[in-house]
Amino acid sequence: MIVIEHHIRAIVNTIPEIQINKTLTAKPKFGWGDELELNRYIKLKKEQSYPLIWLLPDTDRYEGWDGRKAVRPCTFIIATREIRKELFNDQRYLKSFDVVLNPLTDYLVHGLQTSNISDRMDDGWSVSKHPNYSAESDKDGTIDIWDAIKLEISVRFFGTIKCLNPIIY
């Protein structure tokens, strides 16, 4: 059986460090699960959680007589911490989206396509941008203050992680 989360972790581990601000770079962190698991992760890891690529749960569909291919409609939350609530969206786009979130989204889509252990099911994917995400709702938001992108993409996964090709970003 293909463990899709292991495949995605292997791909995320190839993504280069991202420049967070003038003095800080960081490798993206990968996790998966529902909102309860996400909030538990953030509570334990605190500011070490970011930048974050989080996979939401969904159904894996196996193909072929031996199940050596699996297909999943993947929903990723790609997030960075931004504690300044006073920033307007245009400032958030310059500080979070242009610098961290858009490049991470591009790297993830590229990695899913060129890794040799996965590829996109079709040419399209969807992106929703959420500046000041947790401020949208005091009850339903995350336990931290985010700028985030929601990426929806259908992916086919193959074989084992041992077949992972080097990815050039």
C-alpha atoms as a PDB file:
ATOM      1  CA  MET A   1       0.000   0.000   0.000  1.00  0.00           C
ATOM      2  CA  ILE A   2       1.208   3.492  -0.835  1.00  0.00           C
ATOM      3  CA  VAL A   3       1.295   5.845   2.146  1.00  0.00           C
ATOM      4  CA  ILE A   4       0.595   9.140   0.470  1.00  0.00           C
ATOM      5  CA  GLU A   5       1.616  11.197   3.484  1.00  0.00           C
ATOM      6  CA  HIS A   6       5.124   9.643   3.359  1.00  0.00           C
ATOM      7  CA  HIS A   7       5.402  10.463  -0.344  1.00  0.00           C
ATOM      8  CA  ILE A   8       4.398  14.086   0.250  1.00  0.00           C
ATOM      9  CA  ARG A   9       6.796  14.407   3.197  1.00  0.00           C
ATOM     10  CA  ALA A  10       9.635  13.168   0.964  1.00  0.00           C
ATOM     11  CA  ILE A  11       8.751  15.772  -1.672  1.00  0.00           C
ATOM     12  CA  VAL A  12       8.421  18.595   0.891  1.00  0.00           C
ATOM     13  CA  ASN A  13      11.833  17.640   2.310  1.00  0.00           C
ATOM     14  CA  THR A  14      13.383  18.500  -1.081  1.00  0.00           C
ATOM     15  CA  ILE A  15      11.993  22.057  -1.074  1.00  0.00           C
ATOM     16  CA  PRO A  16      14.734  24.627  -0.406  1.00  0.00           C
ATOM     17  CA  GLU A  17      14.728  27.062   2.496  1.00  0.00           C
ATOM     18  CA  ILE A  18      12.394  30.026   2.107  1.00  0.00           C
ATOM     19  CA  GLN A  19      13.389  33.579   3.003  1.00  0.00           C
ATOM     20  CA  ILE A  20      10.913  34.535   5.761  1.00  0.00           C
ATOM     21  CA  ASN A  21      12.257  38.052   6.289  1.00  0.00           C
ATOM     22  CA  LYS A  22      15.534  39.952   5.870  1.00  0.00           C
ATOM     23  CA  THR A  23      17.359  37.859   8.477  1.00  0.00           C
ATOM     24  CA  LEU A  24      15.481  34.542   8.665  1.00  0.00           C
ATOM     25  CA  THR A  25      15.223  31.545   6.348  1.00  0.00           C
ATOM     26  CA  ALA A  26      13.463  28.270   7.122  1.00  0.00           C
ATOM     27  CA  LYS A  27      12.694  24.901   5.567  1.00  0.00           C
ATOM     28  CA  PRO A  28       8.972  24.198   5.203  1.00  0.00           C
ATOM     29  CA  LYS A  29       7.422  21.836   7.738  1.00  0.00           C
ATOM     30  CA  PHE A  30       4.931  19.161   6.681  1.00  0.00           C
ATOM     31  CA  GLY A  31       2.071  17.685   8.664  1.00  0.00           C
ATOM     32  CA  TRP A  32      -1.335  16.220   8.032  1.00  0.00           C
ATOM     33  CA  GLY A  33      -4.642  15.648   9.766  1.00  0.00           C
ATOM     34  CA  ASP A  34      -7.813  17.388  10.822  1.00  0.00           C
ATOM     35  CA  GLU A  35      -8.210  20.733  12.600  1.00  0.00           C
ATOM     36  CA  LEU A  36      -7.716  19.204  16.052  1.00  0.00           C
ATOM     37  CA  GLU A  37      -4.386  17.672  15.002  1.00  0.00           C
ATOM     38  CA  LEU A  38      -3.345  20.920  13.350  1.00  0.00           C
ATOM     39  CA  ASN A  39      -4.052  22.987  16.457  1.00  0.00           C
ATOM     40  CA  ARG A  40      -2.245  20.419  18.629  1.00  0.00           C
ATOM     41  CA  TYR A  41       0.765  20.604  16.293  1.00  0.00           C
ATOM     42  CA  ILE A  42       0.859  24.419  16.446  1.00  0.00           C
ATOM     43  CA  LYS A  43       0.449  24.427  20.209  1.00  0.00           C
ATOM     44  CA  LEU A  44       3.402  22.047  20.670  1.00  0.00           C
ATOM     45  CA  LYS A  45       5.735  23.435  17.982  1.00  0.00           C
ATOM     46  CA  LYS A  46       4.787  27.121  18.395  1.00  0.00           C
ATOM     47  CA  GLU A  47       6.752  29.428  16.031  1.00  0.00           C
ATOM     48  CA  GLN A  48       8.817  26.421  14.880  1.00  0.00           C
ATOM     49  CA  SER A  49       5.692  25.307  12.952  1.00  0.00           C
ATOM     50  CA  TYR A  50       6.314  27.669  10.043  1.00  0.00           C
ATOM     51  CA  PRO A  51       6.329  27.878   7.138  1.00  0.00           C
ATOM     52  CA  LEU A  52       3.803  25.059   7.149  1.00  0.00           C
ATOM     53  CA  ILE A  53       2.445  22.746   4.464  1.00  0.00           C
ATOM     54  CA  TRP A  54      -0.531  20.888   5.963  1.00  0.00           C
ATOM     55  CA  LEU A  55      -2.463  18.120   4.180  1.00  0.00           C
ATOM     56  CA  LEU A  56      -6.132  17.743   5.076  1.00  0.00           C
ATOM     57  CA  PRO A  57      -7.594  14.217   5.279  1.00  0.00           C
ATOM     58  CA  ASP A  58      -9.294  12.710   2.235  1.00  0.00           C
ATOM     59  CA  THR A  59      -9.884   9.348   0.561  1.00  0.00           C
ATOM     60  CA  ASP A  60      -7.131   7.458  -1.270  1.00  0.00           C
ATOM     61  CA  ARG A  61      -8.285   5.514  -4.325  1.00  0.00           C
ATOM     62  CA  TYR A  62      -5.986   2.676  -5.419  1.00  0.00           C
ATOM     63  CA  GLU A  63      -5.613   1.715  -9.070  1.00  0.00           C
ATOM     64  CA  GLY A  64      -4.334  -1.354 -10.868  1.00  0.00           C
ATOM     65  CA  TRP A  65      -4.521  -4.991  -9.942  1.00  0.00           C
ATOM     66  CA  ASP A  66      -1.607  -4.622  -7.507  1.00  0.00           C
ATOM     67  CA  GLY A  67      -2.537  -1.215  -6.044  1.00  0.00           C
ATOM     68  CA  ARG A  68       0.786   0.340  -7.136  1.00  0.00           C
ATOM     69  CA  LYS A  69      -0.927   3.641  -7.919  1.00  0.00           C
ATOM     70  CA  ALA A  70      -3.040   5.762  -5.613  1.00  0.00           C
ATOM     71  CA  VAL A  71      -5.067   8.846  -6.457  1.00  0.00           C
ATOM     72  CA  ARG A  72      -6.104  11.527  -4.011  1.00  0.00           C
ATOM     73  CA  PRO A  73      -7.781  14.913  -4.282  1.00  0.00           C
ATOM     74  CA  CYS A  74      -5.248  16.758  -2.088  1.00  0.00           C
ATOM     75  CA  THR A  75      -6.137  19.869  -0.118  1.00  0.00           C
ATOM     76  CA  PHE A  76      -3.109  21.638   1.320  1.00  0.00           C
ATOM     77  CA  ILE A  77      -3.026  24.590   3.665  1.00  0.00           C
ATOM     78  CA  ILE A  78       0.217  26.483   3.143  1.00  0.00           C
ATOM     79  CA  ALA A  79       0.667  28.922   6.007  1.00  0.00           C
ATOM     80  CA  THR A  80       3.021  31.389   7.566  1.00  0.00           C
ATOM     81  CA  ARG A  81       2.674  33.185  10.880  1.00  0.00           C
ATOM     82  CA  GLU A  82       1.919  36.895  10.772  1.00  0.00           C
ATOM     83  CA  ILE A  83       1.058  38.326  14.182  1.00  0.00           C
ATOM     84  CA  ARG A  84       0.540  41.920  13.070  1.00  0.00           C
ATOM     85  CA  LYS A  85      -3.242  42.202  12.827  1.00  0.00           C
ATOM     86  CA  GLU A  86      -3.034  45.836  11.755  1.00  0.00           C
ATOM     87  CA  LEU A  87      -1.561  44.991   8.329  1.00  0.00           C
ATOM     88  CA  PHE A  88      -3.845  45.496   5.362  1.00  0.00           C
ATOM     89  CA  ASN A  89      -4.097  42.910   2.593  1.00  0.00           C
ATOM     90  CA  ASP A  90      -1.739  44.776   0.244  1.00  0.00           C
ATOM     91  CA  GLN A  91       0.943  44.740   2.958  1.00  0.00           C
ATOM     92  CA  ARG A  92       0.298  41.072   3.708  1.00  0.00           C
ATOM     93  CA  TYR A  93       0.697  40.209   0.015  1.00  0.00           C
ATOM     94  CA  LEU A  94       4.088  41.931  -0.069  1.00  0.00           C
ATOM     95  CA  LYS A  95       5.351  40.411   3.212  1.00  0.00           C
ATOM     96  CA  SER A  96       3.756  36.949   3.292  1.00  0.00           C
ATOM     97  CA  PHE A  97       2.340  35.938  -0.072  1.00  0.00           C
ATOM     98  CA  ASP A  98       5.052  37.256  -2.416  1.00  0.00           C
ATOM     99  CA  VAL A  99       7.943  36.188  -0.193  1.00  0.00           C
ATOM    100  CA  VAL A 100       6.777  32.917   1.415  1.00  0.00           C
ATOM    101  CA  LEU A 101       3.411  31.521   0.348  1.00  0.00           C
ATOM    102  CA  ASN A 102       3.462  31.905  -3.444  1.00  0.00           C
ATOM    103  CA  PRO A 103       6.980  30.425  -3.801  1.00  0.00           C
ATOM    104  CA  LEU A 104       6.078  27.515  -1.478  1.00  0.00           C
ATOM    105  CA  THR A 105       2.937  26.806  -3.479  1.00  0.00           C
ATOM    106  CA  ASP A 106       4.932  26.856  -6.725  1.00  0.00           C
ATOM    107  CA  TYR A 107       7.588  24.541  -5.230  1.00  0.00           C
ATOM    108  CA  LEU A 108       4.975  22.084  -3.971  1.00  0.00           C
ATOM    109  CA  VAL A 109       3.124  21.900  -7.307  1.00  0.00           C
ATOM    110  CA  HIS A 110       6.457  21.523  -9.153  1.00  0.00           C
ATOM    111  CA  GLY A 111       7.623  18.800  -6.750  1.00  0.00           C
ATOM    112  CA  LEU A 112       4.377  16.848  -7.066  1.00  0.00           C
ATOM    113  CA  GLN A 113       4.753  16.951 -10.860  1.00  0.00           C
ATOM    114  CA  THR A 114       8.468  16.170 -11.254  1.00  0.00           C
ATOM    115  CA  SER A 115       9.302  13.841  -8.345  1.00  0.00           C
ATOM    116  CA  ASN A 116       8.820  10.556 -10.241  1.00  0.00           C
ATOM    117  CA  ILE A 117       6.766   9.288  -7.273  1.00  0.00           C
ATOM    118  CA  SER A 118       3.749  11.436  -8.141  1.00  0.00           C
ATOM    119  CA  ASP A 119       2.174  13.551 -10.834  1.00  0.00           C
ATOM    120  CA  ARG A 120      -0.856  15.773 -11.282  1.00  0.00           C
ATOM    121  CA  MET A 121      -4.026  14.131 -12.515  1.00  0.00           C
ATOM    122  CA  ASP A 122      -4.826  17.071 -14.792  1.00  0.00           C
ATOM    123  CA  ASP A 123      -3.448  20.454 -15.808  1.00  0.00           C
ATOM    124  CA  GLY A 124      -5.464  22.465 -13.315  1.00  0.00           C
ATOM    125  CA  TRP A 125      -5.453  23.192  -9.613  1.00  0.00           C
ATOM    126  CA  SER A 126      -7.190  25.736  -7.396  1.00  0.00           C
ATOM    127  CA  VAL A 127      -5.685  28.326  -5.072  1.00  0.00           C
ATOM    128  CA  SER A 128      -7.559  30.370  -2.460  1.00  0.00           C
ATOM    129  CA  LYS A 129      -5.697  33.138  -0.623  1.00  0.00           C
ATOM    130  CA  HIS A 130      -6.545  33.861   3.004  1.00  0.00           C
ATOM    131  CA  PRO A 131      -4.832  36.930   4.449  1.00  0.00           C
ATOM    132  CA  ASN A 132      -5.187  37.280   8.237  1.00  0.00           C
ATOM    133  CA  TYR A 133      -6.829  33.847   8.287  1.00  0.00           C
ATOM    134  CA  SER A 134      -7.454  33.388  11.998  1.00  0.00           C
ATOM    135  CA  ALA A 135      -9.022  36.826  12.301  1.00  0.00           C
ATOM    136  CA  GLU A 136     -11.869  35.757  10.015  1.00  0.00           C
ATOM    137  CA  SER A 137     -13.543  33.943  12.878  1.00  0.00           C
ATOM    138  CA  ASP A 138     -12.682  33.831  16.556  1.00  0.00           C
ATOM    139  CA  LYS A 139     -14.399  30.449  16.926  1.00  0.00           C
ATOM    140  CA  ASP A 140     -13.471  28.530  13.782  1.00  0.00           C
ATOM    141  CA  GLY A 141      -9.973  29.817  13.036  1.00  0.00           C
ATOM    142  CA  THR A 142      -6.669  28.319  14.010  1.00  0.00           C
ATOM    143  CA  ILE A 143      -5.013  28.976  17.340  1.00  0.00           C
ATOM    144  CA  ASP A 144      -2.375  31.153  15.664  1.00  0.00           C
ATOM    145  CA  ILE A 145      -2.467  34.158  13.336  1.00  0.00           C
ATOM    146  CA  TRP A 146      -1.890  33.174   9.726  1.00  0.00           C
ATOM    147  CA  ASP A 147      -1.599  34.257   6.193  1.00  0.00           C
ATOM    148  CA  ALA A 148      -2.439  31.150   4.192  1.00  0.00           C
ATOM    149  CA  ILE A 149      -3.062  29.624   0.795  1.00  0.00           C
ATOM    150  CA  LYS A 150      -5.434  26.724   0.264  1.00  0.00           C
ATOM    151  CA  LEU A 151      -4.217  24.556  -2.625  1.00  0.00           C
ATOM    152  CA  GLU A 152      -6.552  21.940  -4.123  1.00  0.00           C
ATOM    153  CA  ILE A 153      -4.897  19.559  -6.569  1.00  0.00           C
ATOM    154  CA  SER A 154      -5.584  15.983  -7.687  1.00  0.00           C
ATOM    155  CA  VAL A 155      -2.452  13.852  -7.515  1.00  0.00           C
ATOM    156  CA  ARG A 156      -1.531  10.316  -8.564  1.00  0.00           C
ATOM    157  CA  PHE A 157       1.148   8.613  -6.443  1.00  0.00           C
ATOM    158  CA  PHE A 158       3.380   5.742  -7.613  1.00  0.00           C
ATOM    159  CA  GLY A 159       5.501   2.981  -6.122  1.00  0.00           C
ATOM    160  CA  THR A 160       7.880   3.652  -3.289  1.00  0.00           C
ATOM    161  CA  ILE A 161       9.741   6.684  -1.973  1.00  0.00           C
ATOM    162  CA  LYS A 162      12.997   5.012  -3.037  1.00  0.00           C
ATOM    163  CA  CYS A 163      12.167   6.081  -6.612  1.00  0.00           C
ATOM    164  CA  LEU A 164      12.182   9.810  -5.734  1.00  0.00           C
ATOM    165  CA  ASN A 165      14.062  11.751  -8.413  1.00  0.00           C
ATOM    166  CA  PRO A 166      16.192  14.752  -7.505  1.00  0.00           C
ATOM    167  CA  ILE A 167      14.016  17.830  -7.971  1.00  0.00           C
ATOM    168  CA  ILE A 168      15.505  21.030  -9.366  1.00  0.00           C
ATOM    169  CA  TYR A 169      13.688  24.114  -8.097  1.00  0.00           C
END
